[in-house]
Amino acid sequence: MAETKGNQPKVIIFTAPTCTYCNMTKKYLREKGIRFKEVDVSRDPAAAKDMVRRSGQMGVPVLDIGGKIVIGFDRPKINQYLGIK
């Protein structure tokens, strides 16, 4: 498993159960040993509004990595924000 540099930033992933890219993103984070909080926007309208407020996007996945937003399964950006390879 990859090591993060220093303390890992807080990671929140906004997902939906039927989202293939959400599942790919969660699998990738687990493989890298990254802890994350999953928020299912299909079950929580307030969380969906929060996701749109943070990202301007209605589609999932949306990741909040230490306050930096990643839209979709953007592996290079995820790696950059987490400081991993």
N, C-alpha and C. Protein backbone atom coordinates (compact mmCIF):
# COMPACT_ATOMS: atom_id res chain seq x y z
N MET A 1 0.83 -1.19 0.00
CA MET A 1 0.00 0.00 0.00
C MET A 1 0.87 1.24 0.00
N ALA A 2 0.38 2.27 -0.66
CA ALA A 2 1.13 3.51 -0.75
C ALA A 2 1.05 4.27 0.57
N GLU A 3 2.06 5.00 0.83
CA GLU A 3 2.09 5.85 2.02
C GLU A 3 1.75 7.27 1.62
N THR A 4 0.96 7.95 2.41
CA THR A 4 0.71 9.35 2.17
C THR A 4 1.81 10.15 2.84
N LYS A 5 2.08 11.32 2.30
CA LYS A 5 3.10 12.18 2.88
C LYS A 5 2.50 12.91 4.08
N GLY A 6 3.08 12.69 5.25
CA GLY A 6 2.56 13.35 6.44
C GLY A 6 1.18 12.82 6.78
N ASN A 7 0.38 13.68 7.39
CA ASN A 7 -0.98 13.28 7.74
C ASN A 7 -1.86 13.31 6.51
N GLN A 8 -2.71 12.32 6.40
CA GLN A 8 -3.63 12.26 5.27
C GLN A 8 -4.68 13.34 5.42
N PRO A 9 -4.96 14.10 4.35
CA PRO A 9 -6.06 15.06 4.43
C PRO A 9 -7.39 14.33 4.57
N LYS A 10 -8.38 15.03 5.07
CA LYS A 10 -9.73 14.46 5.19
C LYS A 10 -10.28 14.25 3.78
N VAL A 11 -10.81 13.06 3.54
CA VAL A 11 -11.35 12.71 2.22
C VAL A 11 -12.82 12.36 2.37
N ILE A 12 -13.65 13.07 1.61
CA ILE A 12 -15.09 12.77 1.53
C ILE A 12 -15.38 12.46 0.07
N ILE A 13 -16.10 11.36 -0.17
CA ILE A 13 -16.51 11.03 -1.53
C ILE A 13 -18.03 10.98 -1.57
N PHE A 14 -18.58 11.81 -2.44
CA PHE A 14 -20.03 11.84 -2.67
C PHE A 14 -20.32 10.82 -3.77
N THR A 15 -21.21 9.87 -3.46
CA THR A 15 -21.45 8.75 -4.36
C THR A 15 -22.94 8.47 -4.52
N ALA A 16 -23.21 7.51 -5.41
CA ALA A 16 -24.54 6.91 -5.56
C ALA A 16 -24.32 5.42 -5.80
N PRO A 17 -25.23 4.57 -5.34
CA PRO A 17 -25.02 3.12 -5.42
C PRO A 17 -24.83 2.57 -6.83
N THR A 18 -25.47 3.18 -7.82
CA THR A 18 -25.41 2.64 -9.18
C THR A 18 -24.27 3.23 -10.01
N CYS A 19 -23.43 4.05 -9.40
CA CYS A 19 -22.38 4.77 -10.12
C CYS A 19 -21.11 3.92 -10.26
N THR A 20 -20.80 3.53 -11.48
CA THR A 20 -19.62 2.72 -11.76
C THR A 20 -18.34 3.45 -11.38
N TYR A 21 -18.24 4.74 -11.73
CA TYR A 21 -17.02 5.50 -11.43
C TYR A 21 -16.86 5.71 -9.92
N CYS A 22 -17.97 5.79 -9.20
CA CYS A 22 -17.89 5.87 -7.74
C CYS A 22 -17.24 4.62 -7.18
N ASN A 23 -17.70 3.46 -7.66
CA ASN A 23 -17.15 2.19 -7.19
C ASN A 23 -15.68 2.06 -7.55
N MET A 24 -15.30 2.50 -8.75
CA MET A 24 -13.89 2.47 -9.17
C MET A 24 -13.05 3.37 -8.27
N THR A 25 -13.58 4.54 -7.95
CA THR A 25 -12.86 5.49 -7.10
C THR A 25 -12.66 4.93 -5.70
N LYS A 26 -13.72 4.37 -5.11
CA LYS A 26 -13.61 3.79 -3.77
C LYS A 26 -12.63 2.63 -3.75
N LYS A 27 -12.67 1.79 -4.78
CA LYS A 27 -11.72 0.67 -4.86
C LYS A 27 -10.29 1.19 -4.93
N TYR A 28 -10.07 2.20 -5.75
CA TYR A 28 -8.73 2.79 -5.89
C TYR A 28 -8.24 3.34 -4.55
N LEU A 29 -9.09 4.09 -3.86
CA LEU A 29 -8.68 4.66 -2.57
C LEU A 29 -8.35 3.56 -1.57
N ARG A 30 -9.15 2.50 -1.54
CA ARG A 30 -8.87 1.38 -0.63
C ARG A 30 -7.54 0.72 -0.97
N GLU A 31 -7.27 0.53 -2.28
CA GLU A 31 -6.01 -0.08 -2.70
C GLU A 31 -4.81 0.76 -2.25
N LYS A 32 -4.99 2.07 -2.21
CA LYS A 32 -3.91 2.98 -1.82
C LYS A 32 -3.85 3.19 -0.30
N GLY A 33 -4.77 2.57 0.42
CA GLY A 33 -4.77 2.69 1.87
C GLY A 33 -5.27 4.03 2.37
N ILE A 34 -6.11 4.68 1.58
CA ILE A 34 -6.64 6.00 1.93
C ILE A 34 -7.96 5.84 2.67
N ARG A 35 -8.04 6.45 3.84
CA ARG A 35 -9.30 6.46 4.60
C ARG A 35 -10.22 7.53 3.99
N PHE A 36 -11.50 7.22 3.91
CA PHE A 36 -12.44 8.20 3.36
C PHE A 36 -13.81 8.02 3.99
N LYS A 37 -14.58 9.10 3.93
CA LYS A 37 -15.97 9.06 4.36
C LYS A 37 -16.82 9.07 3.10
N GLU A 38 -17.72 8.10 3.00
CA GLU A 38 -18.61 8.02 1.85
C GLU A 38 -19.95 8.64 2.19
N VAL A 39 -20.45 9.48 1.29
CA VAL A 39 -21.76 10.11 1.46
C VAL A 39 -22.61 9.75 0.25
N ASP A 40 -23.70 9.03 0.49
CA ASP A 40 -24.61 8.60 -0.58
C ASP A 40 -25.63 9.70 -0.82
N VAL A 41 -25.43 10.44 -1.92
CA VAL A 41 -26.32 11.57 -2.21
C VAL A 41 -27.70 11.13 -2.68
N SER A 42 -27.85 9.86 -3.07
CA SER A 42 -29.17 9.39 -3.48
C SER A 42 -30.09 9.20 -2.29
N ARG A 43 -29.53 9.05 -1.10
CA ARG A 43 -30.33 8.84 0.11
C ARG A 43 -30.42 10.09 0.99
N ASP A 44 -29.61 11.09 0.67
CA ASP A 44 -29.51 12.25 1.56
C ASP A 44 -29.58 13.55 0.75
N PRO A 45 -30.78 14.12 0.61
CA PRO A 45 -30.94 15.35 -0.19
C PRO A 45 -30.07 16.51 0.32
N ALA A 46 -29.87 16.60 1.62
CA ALA A 46 -29.03 17.67 2.16
C ALA A 46 -27.58 17.49 1.71
N ALA A 47 -27.12 16.24 1.67
CA ALA A 47 -25.76 15.95 1.21
C ALA A 47 -25.63 16.27 -0.28
N ALA A 48 -26.66 15.99 -1.06
CA ALA A 48 -26.63 16.31 -2.49
C ALA A 48 -26.50 17.82 -2.68
N LYS A 49 -27.24 18.60 -1.90
CA LYS A 49 -27.13 20.06 -1.99
C LYS A 49 -25.73 20.52 -1.58
N ASP A 50 -25.18 19.90 -0.55
CA ASP A 50 -23.84 20.23 -0.10
C ASP A 50 -22.81 19.94 -1.19
N MET A 51 -22.97 18.81 -1.87
CA MET A 51 -22.06 18.44 -2.96
C MET A 51 -22.12 19.48 -4.08
N VAL A 52 -23.33 19.88 -4.46
CA VAL A 52 -23.48 20.88 -5.52
C VAL A 52 -22.89 22.22 -5.08
N ARG A 53 -23.09 22.58 -3.81
CA ARG A 53 -22.54 23.83 -3.29
C ARG A 53 -21.01 23.82 -3.36
N ARG A 54 -20.41 22.69 -3.00
CA ARG A 54 -18.94 22.58 -3.00
C ARG A 54 -18.36 22.54 -4.40
N SER A 55 -19.04 21.81 -5.31
CA SER A 55 -18.43 21.49 -6.59
C SER A 55 -19.07 22.16 -7.80
N GLY A 56 -20.32 22.59 -7.66
CA GLY A 56 -21.04 23.10 -8.82
C GLY A 56 -21.52 21.99 -9.73
N GLN A 57 -21.36 20.73 -9.31
CA GLN A 57 -21.71 19.57 -10.12
C GLN A 57 -22.85 18.80 -9.49
N MET A 58 -23.68 18.20 -10.34
CA MET A 58 -24.74 17.33 -9.84
C MET A 58 -24.40 15.86 -10.02
N GLY A 59 -23.38 15.58 -10.84
CA GLY A 59 -22.98 14.19 -11.08
C GLY A 59 -22.00 13.70 -10.03
N VAL A 60 -21.94 12.39 -9.87
CA VAL A 60 -21.01 11.77 -8.93
C VAL A 60 -20.02 10.91 -9.72
N PRO A 61 -18.87 10.59 -9.19
CA PRO A 61 -18.39 10.95 -7.86
C PRO A 61 -17.80 12.36 -7.82
N VAL A 62 -17.91 12.93 -6.63
CA VAL A 62 -17.22 14.18 -6.31
C VAL A 62 -16.42 13.89 -5.05
N LEU A 63 -15.13 14.22 -5.07
CA LEU A 63 -14.29 14.04 -3.90
C LEU A 63 -13.90 15.39 -3.34
N ASP A 64 -13.90 15.48 -2.03
CA ASP A 64 -13.37 16.64 -1.32
C ASP A 64 -12.15 16.11 -0.58
N ILE A 65 -10.98 16.52 -1.04
CA ILE A 65 -9.72 16.07 -0.45
C ILE A 65 -9.09 17.27 0.24
N GLY A 66 -9.29 17.35 1.53
CA GLY A 66 -8.74 18.47 2.29
C GLY A 66 -9.20 19.82 1.78
N GLY A 67 -10.45 19.89 1.31
CA GLY A 67 -11.01 21.14 0.82
C GLY A 67 -10.80 21.37 -0.67
N LYS A 68 -10.06 20.49 -1.33
CA LYS A 68 -9.86 20.59 -2.78
C LYS A 68 -10.81 19.61 -3.46
N ILE A 69 -11.52 20.08 -4.47
CA ILE A 69 -12.58 19.30 -5.11
C ILE A 69 -12.05 18.58 -6.35
N VAL A 70 -12.39 17.31 -6.47
CA VAL A 70 -12.08 16.51 -7.65
C VAL A 70 -13.41 16.01 -8.21
N ILE A 71 -13.63 16.28 -9.49
CA ILE A 71 -14.85 15.84 -10.17
C ILE A 71 -14.53 14.56 -10.92
N GLY A 72 -15.28 13.50 -10.64
CA GLY A 72 -15.10 12.24 -11.34
C GLY A 72 -13.88 11.48 -10.82
N PHE A 73 -13.61 10.36 -11.47
CA PHE A 73 -12.47 9.51 -11.10
C PHE A 73 -11.24 10.02 -11.86
N ASP A 74 -10.70 11.14 -11.38
CA ASP A 74 -9.54 11.80 -11.99
C ASP A 74 -8.30 11.37 -11.21
N ARG A 75 -7.76 10.21 -11.59
CA ARG A 75 -6.66 9.61 -10.84
C ARG A 75 -5.46 10.55 -10.67
N PRO A 76 -4.99 11.25 -11.72
CA PRO A 76 -3.83 12.14 -11.52
C PRO A 76 -4.10 13.24 -10.49
N LYS A 77 -5.30 13.81 -10.52
CA LYS A 77 -5.63 14.88 -9.56
C LYS A 77 -5.78 14.31 -8.15
N ILE A 78 -6.40 13.13 -8.04
CA ILE A 78 -6.53 12.48 -6.73
C ILE A 78 -5.14 12.23 -6.15
N ASN A 79 -4.25 11.67 -6.96
CA ASN A 79 -2.89 11.40 -6.51
C ASN A 79 -2.17 12.68 -6.09
N GLN A 80 -2.34 13.72 -6.90
CA GLN A 80 -1.69 15.00 -6.59
C GLN A 80 -2.17 15.55 -5.25
N TYR A 81 -3.47 15.57 -5.04
CA TYR A 81 -4.01 16.14 -3.81
C TYR A 81 -3.70 15.30 -2.59
N LEU A 82 -3.51 13.98 -2.79
CA LEU A 82 -3.17 13.11 -1.67
C LEU A 82 -1.67 12.95 -1.49
N GLY A 83 -0.90 13.41 -2.47
CA GLY A 83 0.55 13.28 -2.40
C GLY A 83 1.02 11.85 -2.54
N ILE A 84 0.35 11.09 -3.43
CA ILE A 84 0.73 9.69 -3.65
C ILE A 84 1.04 9.48 -5.12
N LYS A 85 1.63 8.30 -5.40
CA LYS A 85 1.94 7.93 -6.79
C LYS A 85 1.00 6.86 -7.27
